[in-house]
C-alpha atoms as a PDB file:
ATOM      1  CA  UNK A   1     -38.806 -27.196 -43.096  1.00  0.00           C
ATOM      2  CA  UNK A   2     -40.697 -28.082 -46.192  1.00  0.00           C
ATOM      3  CA  UNK A   3     -39.030 -30.273 -48.756  1.00  0.00           C
ATOM      4  CA  UNK A   4     -40.494 -28.349 -51.683  1.00  0.00           C
ATOM      5  CA  UNK A   5     -38.647 -25.197 -50.586  1.00  0.00           C
ATOM      6  CA  UNK A   6     -35.349 -27.080 -50.654  1.00  0.00           C
ATOM      7  CA  UNK A   7     -36.185 -28.469 -54.094  1.00  0.00           C
ATOM      8  CA  UNK A   8     -37.062 -24.975 -55.370  1.00  0.00           C
ATOM      9  CA  UNK A   9     -33.777 -23.543 -54.083  1.00  0.00           C
ATOM     10  CA  UNK A  10     -31.800 -26.424 -55.598  1.00  0.00           C
ATOM     11  CA  UNK A  11     -33.612 -26.034 -58.916  1.00  0.00           C
ATOM     12  CA  UNK A  12     -32.902 -22.320 -59.032  1.00  0.00           C
ATOM     13  CA  UNK A  13     -29.254 -23.022 -58.200  1.00  0.00           C
ATOM     14  CA  UNK A  14     -28.895 -25.617 -60.931  1.00  0.00           C
ATOM     15  CA  UNK A  15     -30.644 -23.432 -63.497  1.00  0.00           C
ATOM     16  CA  UNK A  16     -28.542 -20.421 -62.558  1.00  0.00           C
ATOM     17  CA  UNK A  17     -25.365 -22.479 -62.762  1.00  0.00           C
ATOM     18  CA  UNK A  18     -26.206 -23.806 -66.219  1.00  0.00           C
ATOM     19  CA  UNK A  19     -27.128 -20.356 -67.546  1.00  0.00           C
ATOM     20  CA  UNK A  20     -23.972 -18.871 -66.056  1.00  0.00           C
ATOM     21  CA  UNK A  21     -21.744 -21.525 -67.629  1.00  0.00           C
ATOM     22  CA  UNK A  22     -23.386 -21.100 -71.032  1.00  0.00           C
ATOM     23  CA  UNK A  23     -22.947 -17.332 -70.879  1.00  0.00           C
ATOM     24  CA  UNK A  24     -19.323 -17.624 -69.758  1.00  0.00           C
ATOM     25  CA  UNK A  25     -18.486 -19.990 -72.615  1.00  0.00           C
ATOM     26  CA  UNK A  26     -19.969 -17.550 -75.111  1.00  0.00           C
ATOM     27  CA  UNK A  27     -17.817 -14.756 -73.706  1.00  0.00           C
ATOM     28  CA  UNK A  28     -20.531 -12.788 -71.930  1.00  0.00           C
ATOM     29  CA  UNK A  29     -19.055 -12.736 -68.450  1.00  0.00           C
ATOM     30  CA  UNK A  30     -20.827  -9.561 -67.356  1.00  0.00           C
ATOM     31  CA  UNK A  31     -24.255 -10.958 -68.223  1.00  0.00           C
ATOM     32  CA  UNK A  32     -23.322 -14.218 -66.481  1.00  0.00           C
ATOM     33  CA  UNK A  33     -22.631 -12.253 -63.313  1.00  0.00           C
ATOM     34  CA  UNK A  34     -26.033 -10.572 -63.547  1.00  0.00           C
ATOM     35  CA  UNK A  35     -27.712 -13.956 -64.069  1.00  0.00           C
ATOM     36  CA  UNK A  36     -26.005 -15.268 -60.935  1.00  0.00           C
ATOM     37  CA  UNK A  37     -27.095 -12.220 -58.954  1.00  0.00           C
ATOM     38  CA  UNK A  38     -30.663 -12.614 -60.215  1.00  0.00           C
ATOM     39  CA  UNK A  39     -30.739 -16.220 -59.024  1.00  0.00           C
ATOM     40  CA  UNK A  40     -29.363 -15.163 -55.667  1.00  0.00           C
ATOM     41  CA  UNK A  41     -32.021 -12.465 -55.285  1.00  0.00           C
ATOM     42  CA  UNK A  42     -34.802 -14.950 -56.065  1.00  0.00           C
ATOM     43  CA  UNK A  43     -33.507 -17.402 -53.458  1.00  0.00           C
ATOM     44  CA  UNK A  44     -33.127 -14.639 -50.863  1.00  0.00           C
ATOM     45  CA  UNK A  45     -36.722 -13.563 -51.484  1.00  0.00           C
ATOM     46  CA  UNK A  46     -37.919 -17.143 -50.946  1.00  0.00           C
ATOM     47  CA  UNK A  47     -35.973 -17.439 -47.711  1.00  0.00           C
ATOM     48  CA  UNK A  48     -37.103 -14.030 -46.437  1.00  0.00           C
ATOM     49  CA  UNK A  49     -40.719 -15.056 -46.986  1.00  0.00           C
ATOM     50  CA  UNK A  50     -40.205 -18.159 -44.830  1.00  0.00           C
ATOM     51  CA  UNK A  51     -38.373 -16.164 -42.128  1.00  0.00           C
ATOM     52  CA  UNK A  52     -41.201 -13.624 -42.099  1.00  0.00           C
ATOM     53  CA  UNK A  53     -43.702 -16.430 -41.537  1.00  0.00           C
ATOM     54  CA  UNK A  54     -41.524 -17.741 -38.719  1.00  0.00           C
ATOM     55  CA  UNK A  55     -41.462 -14.370 -36.962  1.00  0.00           C
ATOM     56  CA  UNK A  56     -45.222 -14.036 -37.356  1.00  0.00           C
ATOM     57  CA  UNK A  57     -45.682 -17.453 -35.767  1.00  0.00           C
ATOM     58  CA  UNK A  58     -43.364 -16.561 -32.873  1.00  0.00           C
ATOM     59  CA  UNK A  59     -45.234 -13.288 -32.282  1.00  0.00           C
ATOM     60  CA  UNK A  60     -48.536 -15.144 -32.247  1.00  0.00           C
ATOM     61  CA  UNK A  61     -47.248 -17.774 -29.850  1.00  0.00           C
ATOM     62  CA  UNK A  62     -45.921 -15.275 -27.324  1.00  0.00           C
ATOM     63  CA  UNK A  63     -48.680 -12.715 -27.846  1.00  0.00           C
ATOM     64  CA  UNK A  64     -46.394  -9.873 -28.872  1.00  0.00           C
END
């Protein structure tokens, strides 16, 4: 696993956490929830891209 992927995921998590806390302290809880969901979607897209590459590699290795 590449280290830069882990750093990207951690950076997105930290940024999402900070934005969420700022929005919650200003009383915008609903927007904070959407910000958290947006961060989650971005991370899931990153992970799905890596999993897709993994399946492509497995198909190539076994000739499927």
